[in-house]
PDB file of N, CA and C in Angstrom:
ATOM      1  N   MET A   1     -73.517 -26.553  15.425  1.00  0.00           N
ATOM      2  CA  MET A   1     -73.287 -26.966  14.139  1.00  0.00           C
ATOM      3  C   MET A   1     -74.287 -26.331  13.308  1.00  0.00           C
ATOM      4  N   GLY A   2     -75.585 -26.319  13.595  1.00  0.00           N
ATOM      5  CA  GLY A   2     -76.799 -25.620  12.994  1.00  0.00           C
ATOM      6  C   GLY A   2     -76.374 -24.289  12.607  1.00  0.00           C
ATOM      7  N   ILE A   3     -75.555 -23.575  13.376  1.00  0.00           N
ATOM      8  CA  ILE A   3     -75.438 -22.062  12.915  1.00  0.00           C
ATOM      9  C   ILE A   3     -74.821 -21.941  11.644  1.00  0.00           C
ATOM     10  N   PHE A   4     -73.590 -22.776  11.465  1.00  0.00           N
ATOM     11  CA  PHE A   4     -72.824 -23.111  10.517  1.00  0.00           C
ATOM     12  C   PHE A   4     -73.360 -23.302   9.181  1.00  0.00           C
ATOM     13  N   ILE A   5     -73.847 -24.365   9.179  1.00  0.00           N
ATOM     14  CA  ILE A   5     -75.100 -25.032   8.211  1.00  0.00           C
ATOM     15  C   ILE A   5     -75.974 -23.593   7.590  1.00  0.00           C
ATOM     16  N   LEU A   6     -76.538 -23.103   8.321  1.00  0.00           N
ATOM     17  CA  LEU A   6     -77.412 -21.651   8.368  1.00  0.00           C
ATOM     18  C   LEU A   6     -76.376 -20.699   7.334  1.00  0.00           C
ATOM     19  N   GLY A   7     -75.361 -20.501   8.033  1.00  0.00           N
ATOM     20  CA  GLY A   7     -74.639 -19.242   7.467  1.00  0.00           C
ATOM     21  C   GLY A   7     -73.888 -19.858   6.210  1.00  0.00           C
ATOM     22  N   GLY A   8     -73.811 -21.101   6.167  1.00  0.00           N
ATOM     23  CA  GLY A   8     -73.202 -21.390   4.421  1.00  0.00           C
ATOM     24  C   GLY A   8     -74.503 -21.207   3.619  1.00  0.00           C
ATOM     25  N   ILE A   9     -75.528 -21.709   3.814  1.00  0.00           N
ATOM     26  CA  ILE A   9     -76.925 -21.449   3.088  1.00  0.00           C
ATOM     27  C   ILE A   9     -76.950 -19.936   2.945  1.00  0.00           C
ATOM     28  N   VAL A  10     -77.322 -19.174   3.456  1.00  0.00           N
ATOM     29  CA  VAL A  10     -77.141 -17.755   3.734  1.00  0.00           C
ATOM     30  C   VAL A  10     -76.333 -17.134   2.809  1.00  0.00           C
ATOM     31  N   PHE A  11     -75.074 -17.514   2.787  1.00  0.00           N
ATOM     32  CA  PHE A  11     -73.879 -17.246   1.919  1.00  0.00           C
ATOM     33  C   PHE A  11     -74.241 -17.637   0.269  1.00  0.00           C
ATOM     34  N   ILE A  12     -74.630 -18.846   0.303  1.00  0.00           N
ATOM     35  CA  ILE A  12     -75.055 -19.779  -1.111  1.00  0.00           C
ATOM     36  C   ILE A  12     -75.792 -18.747  -1.601  1.00  0.00           C
ATOM     37  N   VAL A  13     -77.220 -18.587  -1.134  1.00  0.00           N
ATOM     38  CA  VAL A  13     -78.062 -17.941  -1.645  1.00  0.00           C
ATOM     39  C   VAL A  13     -77.685 -16.247  -1.807  1.00  0.00           C
ATOM     40  N   ALA A  14     -76.921 -15.539  -0.989  1.00  0.00           N
ATOM     41  CA  ALA A  14     -76.246 -14.172  -1.243  1.00  0.00           C
ATOM     42  C   ALA A  14     -75.696 -14.359  -2.181  1.00  0.00           C
ATOM     43  N   PHE A  15     -74.514 -14.985  -2.355  1.00  0.00           N
ATOM     44  CA  PHE A  15     -73.549 -15.058  -3.455  1.00  0.00           C
ATOM     45  C   PHE A  15     -74.472 -15.197  -5.135  1.00  0.00           C
ATOM     46  N   THR A  16     -75.061 -16.179  -4.885  1.00  0.00           N
ATOM     47  CA  THR A  16     -76.373 -16.486  -6.258  1.00  0.00           C
ATOM     48  C   THR A  16     -77.114 -15.107  -6.555  1.00  0.00           C
ATOM     49  N   LEU A  17     -77.591 -14.417  -5.610  1.00  0.00           N
ATOM     50  CA  LEU A  17     -78.365 -13.498  -5.914  1.00  0.00           C
ATOM     51  C   LEU A  17     -77.624 -12.216  -6.414  1.00  0.00           C
ATOM     52  N   PHE A  18     -76.115 -12.011  -6.006  1.00  0.00           N
ATOM     53  CA  PHE A  18     -75.593 -11.097  -6.280  1.00  0.00           C
ATOM     54  C   PHE A  18     -75.052 -11.327  -7.870  1.00  0.00           C
ATOM     55  N   LYS A  19     -74.675 -12.275  -7.916  1.00  0.00           N
ATOM     56  CA  LYS A  19     -74.139 -12.700  -9.499  1.00  0.00           C
ATOM     57  C   LYS A  19     -75.291 -12.410 -10.377  1.00  0.00           C
ATOM     58  N   ILE A  20     -76.620 -13.031  -9.715  1.00  0.00           N
ATOM     59  CA  ILE A  20     -77.669 -12.786 -11.000  1.00  0.00           C
ATOM     60  C   ILE A  20     -78.054 -11.283 -11.248  1.00  0.00           C
ATOM     61  N   SER A  21     -77.847 -10.443 -10.143  1.00  0.00           N
ATOM     62  CA  SER A  21     -77.875  -9.215 -10.244  1.00  0.00           C
ATOM     63  C   SER A  21     -76.575  -8.608 -11.231  1.00  0.00           C
ATOM     64  N   ALA A  22     -75.521  -8.910 -10.766  1.00  0.00           N
ATOM     65  CA  ALA A  22     -74.151  -8.444 -11.620  1.00  0.00           C
ATOM     66  C   ALA A  22     -74.326  -9.152 -13.274  1.00  0.00           C
ATOM     67  N   PHE A  23     -75.030 -10.246 -13.353  1.00  0.00           N
ATOM     68  CA  PHE A  23     -75.021 -10.439 -14.786  1.00  0.00           C
ATOM     69  C   PHE A  23     -75.662  -9.950 -15.676  1.00  0.00           C
ATOM     70  N   ASN A  24     -76.979  -9.251 -14.660  1.00  0.00           N
ATOM     71  CA  ASN A  24     -78.140  -8.536 -15.565  1.00  0.00           C
ATOM     72  C   ASN A  24     -77.790  -7.403 -15.878  1.00  0.00           C
ATOM     73  N   LYS A  25     -76.454  -6.742 -14.993  1.00  0.00           N
ATOM     74  CA  LYS A  25     -76.282  -5.580 -15.146  1.00  0.00           C
ATOM     75  C   LYS A  25     -75.098  -5.233 -16.426  1.00  0.00           C
ATOM     76  N   THR A  26     -74.429  -6.431 -16.512  1.00  0.00           N
ATOM     77  CA  THR A  26     -73.367  -6.867 -17.694  1.00  0.00           C
ATOM     78  C   THR A  26     -73.737  -6.304 -19.240  1.00  0.00           C
ATOM     79  N   LYS A  27     -72.721  -5.928 -19.864  1.00  0.00           N
ATOM     80  CA  LYS A  27     -72.825  -5.390 -21.554  1.00  0.00           C
ATOM     81  C   LYS A  27     -73.077  -6.973 -22.011  1.00  0.00           C
ATOM     82  N   ASN A  28     -73.663  -7.001 -23.239  1.00  0.00           N
ATOM     83  CA  ASN A  28     -73.857  -8.042 -24.080  1.00  0.00           C
ATOM     84  C   ASN A  28     -72.570  -8.226 -24.801  1.00  0.00           C
ATOM     85  N   ASP A  29     -71.353  -7.599 -24.691  1.00  0.00           N
ATOM     86  CA  ASP A  29     -70.369  -8.115 -25.262  1.00  0.00           C
ATOM     87  C   ASP A  29     -69.221  -8.679 -24.550  1.00  0.00           C
ATOM     88  N   GLN A  30     -69.514  -9.019 -23.073  1.00  0.00           N
ATOM     89  CA  GLN A  30     -68.919  -9.660 -22.409  1.00  0.00           C
ATOM     90  C   GLN A  30     -68.782 -10.794 -22.609  1.00  0.00           C
ATOM     91  N   THR A  31     -67.478 -11.722 -22.624  1.00  0.00           N
ATOM     92  CA  THR A  31     -67.354 -12.752 -22.677  1.00  0.00           C
ATOM     93  C   THR A  31     -67.613 -13.932 -21.513  1.00  0.00           C
ATOM     94  N   TRP A  32     -67.801 -15.112 -21.732  1.00  0.00           N
ATOM     95  CA  TRP A  32     -68.327 -15.839 -20.822  1.00  0.00           C
ATOM     96  C   TRP A  32     -66.670 -16.537 -19.925  1.00  0.00           C
ATOM     97  N   SER A  33     -65.931 -16.225 -20.358  1.00  0.00           N
ATOM     98  CA  SER A  33     -64.434 -16.947 -19.695  1.00  0.00           C
ATOM     99  C   SER A  33     -64.347 -15.069 -18.579  1.00  0.00           C
ATOM    100  N   LYS A  34     -64.663 -14.045 -18.843  1.00  0.00           N
ATOM    101  CA  LYS A  34     -64.220 -12.764 -17.976  1.00  0.00           C
ATOM    102  C   LYS A  34     -65.639 -13.178 -17.419  1.00  0.00           C
ATOM    103  N   LEU A  35     -66.632 -13.295 -17.478  1.00  0.00           N
ATOM    104  CA  LEU A  35     -67.723 -12.943 -16.304  1.00  0.00           C
ATOM    105  C   LEU A  35     -67.253 -14.604 -15.660  1.00  0.00           C
ATOM    106  N   THR A  36     -66.694 -15.507 -16.192  1.00  0.00           N
ATOM    107  CA  THR A  36     -66.259 -16.829 -15.091  1.00  0.00           C
ATOM    108  C   THR A  36     -65.046 -16.011 -14.213  1.00  0.00           C
ATOM    109  N   LEU A  37     -64.109 -15.760 -15.084  1.00  0.00           N
ATOM    110  CA  LEU A  37     -63.096 -15.024 -13.919  1.00  0.00           C
ATOM    111  C   LEU A  37     -63.550 -14.051 -12.862  1.00  0.00           C
ATOM    112  N   VAL A  38     -64.442 -13.188 -13.160  1.00  0.00           N
ATOM    113  CA  VAL A  38     -64.872 -12.325 -12.024  1.00  0.00           C
ATOM    114  C   VAL A  38     -65.922 -12.967 -11.071  1.00  0.00           C
ATOM    115  N   GLY A  39     -66.395 -13.884 -11.318  1.00  0.00           N
ATOM    116  CA  GLY A  39     -67.394 -14.809 -10.733  1.00  0.00           C
ATOM    117  C   GLY A  39     -66.688 -15.548  -9.673  1.00  0.00           C
ATOM    118  N   LEU A  40     -65.132 -15.968 -10.350  1.00  0.00           N
ATOM    119  CA  LEU A  40     -64.197 -16.535  -9.304  1.00  0.00           C
ATOM    120  C   LEU A  40     -63.700 -15.866  -8.288  1.00  0.00           C
ATOM    121  N   VAL A  41     -63.079 -14.848  -8.504  1.00  0.00           N
ATOM    122  CA  VAL A  41     -62.262 -13.762  -7.729  1.00  0.00           C
ATOM    123  C   VAL A  41     -63.265 -13.361  -6.472  1.00  0.00           C
ATOM    124  N   ASP A  42     -65.001 -13.209  -7.183  1.00  0.00           N
ATOM    125  CA  ASP A  42     -65.909 -12.502  -6.187  1.00  0.00           C
ATOM    126  C   ASP A  42     -65.975 -13.397  -5.196  1.00  0.00           C
ATOM    127  N   TYR A  43     -66.071 -15.017  -5.652  1.00  0.00           N
ATOM    128  CA  TYR A  43     -66.541 -16.002  -4.602  1.00  0.00           C
ATOM    129  C   TYR A  43     -65.271 -15.962  -3.855  1.00  0.00           C
ATOM    130  N   LEU A  44     -63.748 -15.950  -4.171  1.00  0.00           N
ATOM    131  CA  LEU A  44     -62.641 -16.062  -3.396  1.00  0.00           C
ATOM    132  C   LEU A  44     -62.891 -14.856  -2.167  1.00  0.00           C
ATOM    133  N   VAL A  45     -62.791 -13.808  -2.765  1.00  0.00           N
ATOM    134  CA  VAL A  45     -63.147 -12.776  -1.857  1.00  0.00           C
ATOM    135  C   VAL A  45     -64.414 -12.930  -0.650  1.00  0.00           C
ATOM    136  N   LEU A  46     -65.494 -13.418  -1.426  1.00  0.00           N
ATOM    137  CA  LEU A  46     -66.771 -13.519  -0.147  1.00  0.00           C
ATOM    138  C   LEU A  46     -66.366 -14.668   0.785  1.00  0.00           C
ATOM    139  N   VAL A  47     -65.593 -15.791   0.424  1.00  0.00           N
ATOM    140  CA  VAL A  47     -65.233 -16.850   1.475  1.00  0.00           C
ATOM    141  C   VAL A  47     -64.194 -16.391   2.006  1.00  0.00           C
ATOM    142  N   LEU A  48     -63.310 -15.757   1.861  1.00  0.00           N
ATOM    143  CA  LEU A  48     -62.133 -15.166   2.898  1.00  0.00           C
ATOM    144  C   LEU A  48     -62.819 -14.187   3.685  1.00  0.00           C
ATOM    145  N   GLY A  49     -63.508 -13.303   3.433  1.00  0.00           N
ATOM    146  CA  GLY A  49     -64.242 -12.713   4.264  1.00  0.00           C
ATOM    147  C   GLY A  49     -64.709 -13.197   5.089  1.00  0.00           C
ATOM    148  N   THR A  50     -66.178 -14.525   4.773  1.00  0.00           N
ATOM    149  CA  THR A  50     -66.828 -14.708   5.772  1.00  0.00           C
ATOM    150  C   THR A  50     -65.661 -15.572   6.653  1.00  0.00           C
ATOM    151  N   LEU A  51     -64.592 -16.291   6.328  1.00  0.00           N
ATOM    152  CA  LEU A  51     -63.703 -16.966   7.140  1.00  0.00           C
ATOM    153  C   LEU A  51     -63.436 -15.942   8.325  1.00  0.00           C
ATOM    154  N   GLY A  52     -62.855 -14.936   7.729  1.00  0.00           N
ATOM    155  CA  GLY A  52     -62.123 -14.141   8.594  1.00  0.00           C
ATOM    156  C   GLY A  52     -63.338 -13.217   9.605  1.00  0.00           C
ATOM    157  N   THR A  53     -63.981 -13.219   9.117  1.00  0.00           N
ATOM    158  CA  THR A  53     -65.513 -12.860  10.292  1.00  0.00           C
ATOM    159  C   THR A  53     -65.998 -13.475  11.116  1.00  0.00           C
ATOM    160  N   GLY A  54     -65.774 -15.128  10.706  1.00  0.00           N
ATOM    161  CA  GLY A  54     -66.340 -16.109  11.701  1.00  0.00           C
ATOM    162  C   GLY A  54     -65.087 -16.269  12.802  1.00  0.00           C
ATOM    163  N   ILE A  55     -63.966 -15.952  12.635  1.00  0.00           N
ATOM    164  CA  ILE A  55     -62.357 -16.231  13.230  1.00  0.00           C
ATOM    165  C   ILE A  55     -62.638 -15.149  14.280  1.00  0.00           C
ATOM    166  N   LEU A  56     -63.148 -14.153  13.642  1.00  0.00           N
ATOM    167  CA  LEU A  56     -63.004 -12.737  14.426  1.00  0.00           C
ATOM    168  C   LEU A  56     -63.978 -12.679  15.416  1.00  0.00           C
ATOM    169  N   PHE A  57     -65.176 -13.242  15.147  1.00  0.00           N
ATOM    170  CA  PHE A  57     -66.122 -13.137  16.089  1.00  0.00           C
ATOM    171  C   PHE A  57     -65.984 -14.628  17.106  1.00  0.00           C
ATOM    172  N   MET A  58     -65.632 -15.771  16.610  1.00  0.00           N
ATOM    173  CA  MET A  58     -65.342 -16.566  17.518  1.00  0.00           C
ATOM    174  C   MET A  58     -64.146 -16.228  18.302  1.00  0.00           C
ATOM    175  N   THR A  59     -63.174 -15.478  17.871  1.00  0.00           N
ATOM    176  CA  THR A  59     -62.226 -14.765  19.005  1.00  0.00           C
ATOM    177  C   THR A  59     -62.800 -14.035  20.293  1.00  0.00           C
ATOM    178  N   LEU A  60     -63.529 -12.792  19.704  1.00  0.00           N
ATOM    179  CA  LEU A  60     -64.277 -12.096  20.456  1.00  0.00           C
ATOM    180  C   LEU A  60     -65.456 -12.880  21.640  1.00  0.00           C
ATOM    181  N   TYR A  61     -65.812 -14.125  20.981  1.00  0.00           N
ATOM    182  CA  TYR A  61     -66.749 -14.505  21.749  1.00  0.00           C
ATOM    183  C   TYR A  61     -65.863 -15.392  22.977  1.00  0.00           C
ATOM    184  N   SER A  62     -64.736 -16.037  22.725  1.00  0.00           N
ATOM    185  CA  SER A  62     -64.185 -16.665  23.335  1.00  0.00           C
ATOM    186  C   SER A  62     -63.347 -15.863  24.588  1.00  0.00           C
ATOM    187  N   MET A  63     -62.821 -14.486  24.132  1.00  0.00           N
ATOM    188  CA  MET A  63     -62.628 -13.508  24.808  1.00  0.00           C
ATOM    189  C   MET A  63     -63.422 -13.130  25.856  1.00  0.00           C
ATOM    190  N   SER A  64     -64.788 -12.755  25.624  1.00  0.00           N
ATOM    191  CA  SER A  64     -65.860 -12.585  26.288  1.00  0.00           C
ATOM    192  C   SER A  64     -65.983 -13.301  27.431  1.00  0.00           C
ATOM    193  N   HIS A  65     -65.699 -15.102  27.411  1.00  0.00           N
ATOM    194  CA  HIS A  65     -66.391 -15.576  28.171  1.00  0.00           C
ATOM    195  C   HIS A  65     -65.249 -16.336  29.371  1.00  0.00           C
TER     196      HIS A  65
END
């Protein structure tokens, strides 16, 4: 259970740092709604990637034992 909690914390920290970096690189004429939409899409892609990778690793782990 601890590995999942640690993975969630790492995910949140990485996503936050990623969005801070992206926000600092954007132009001043960007609207908040556009930035929010991009953030939501990024979040969904990262969540799906995290779940997919977790399923892949658990499948490989189960097959190896």
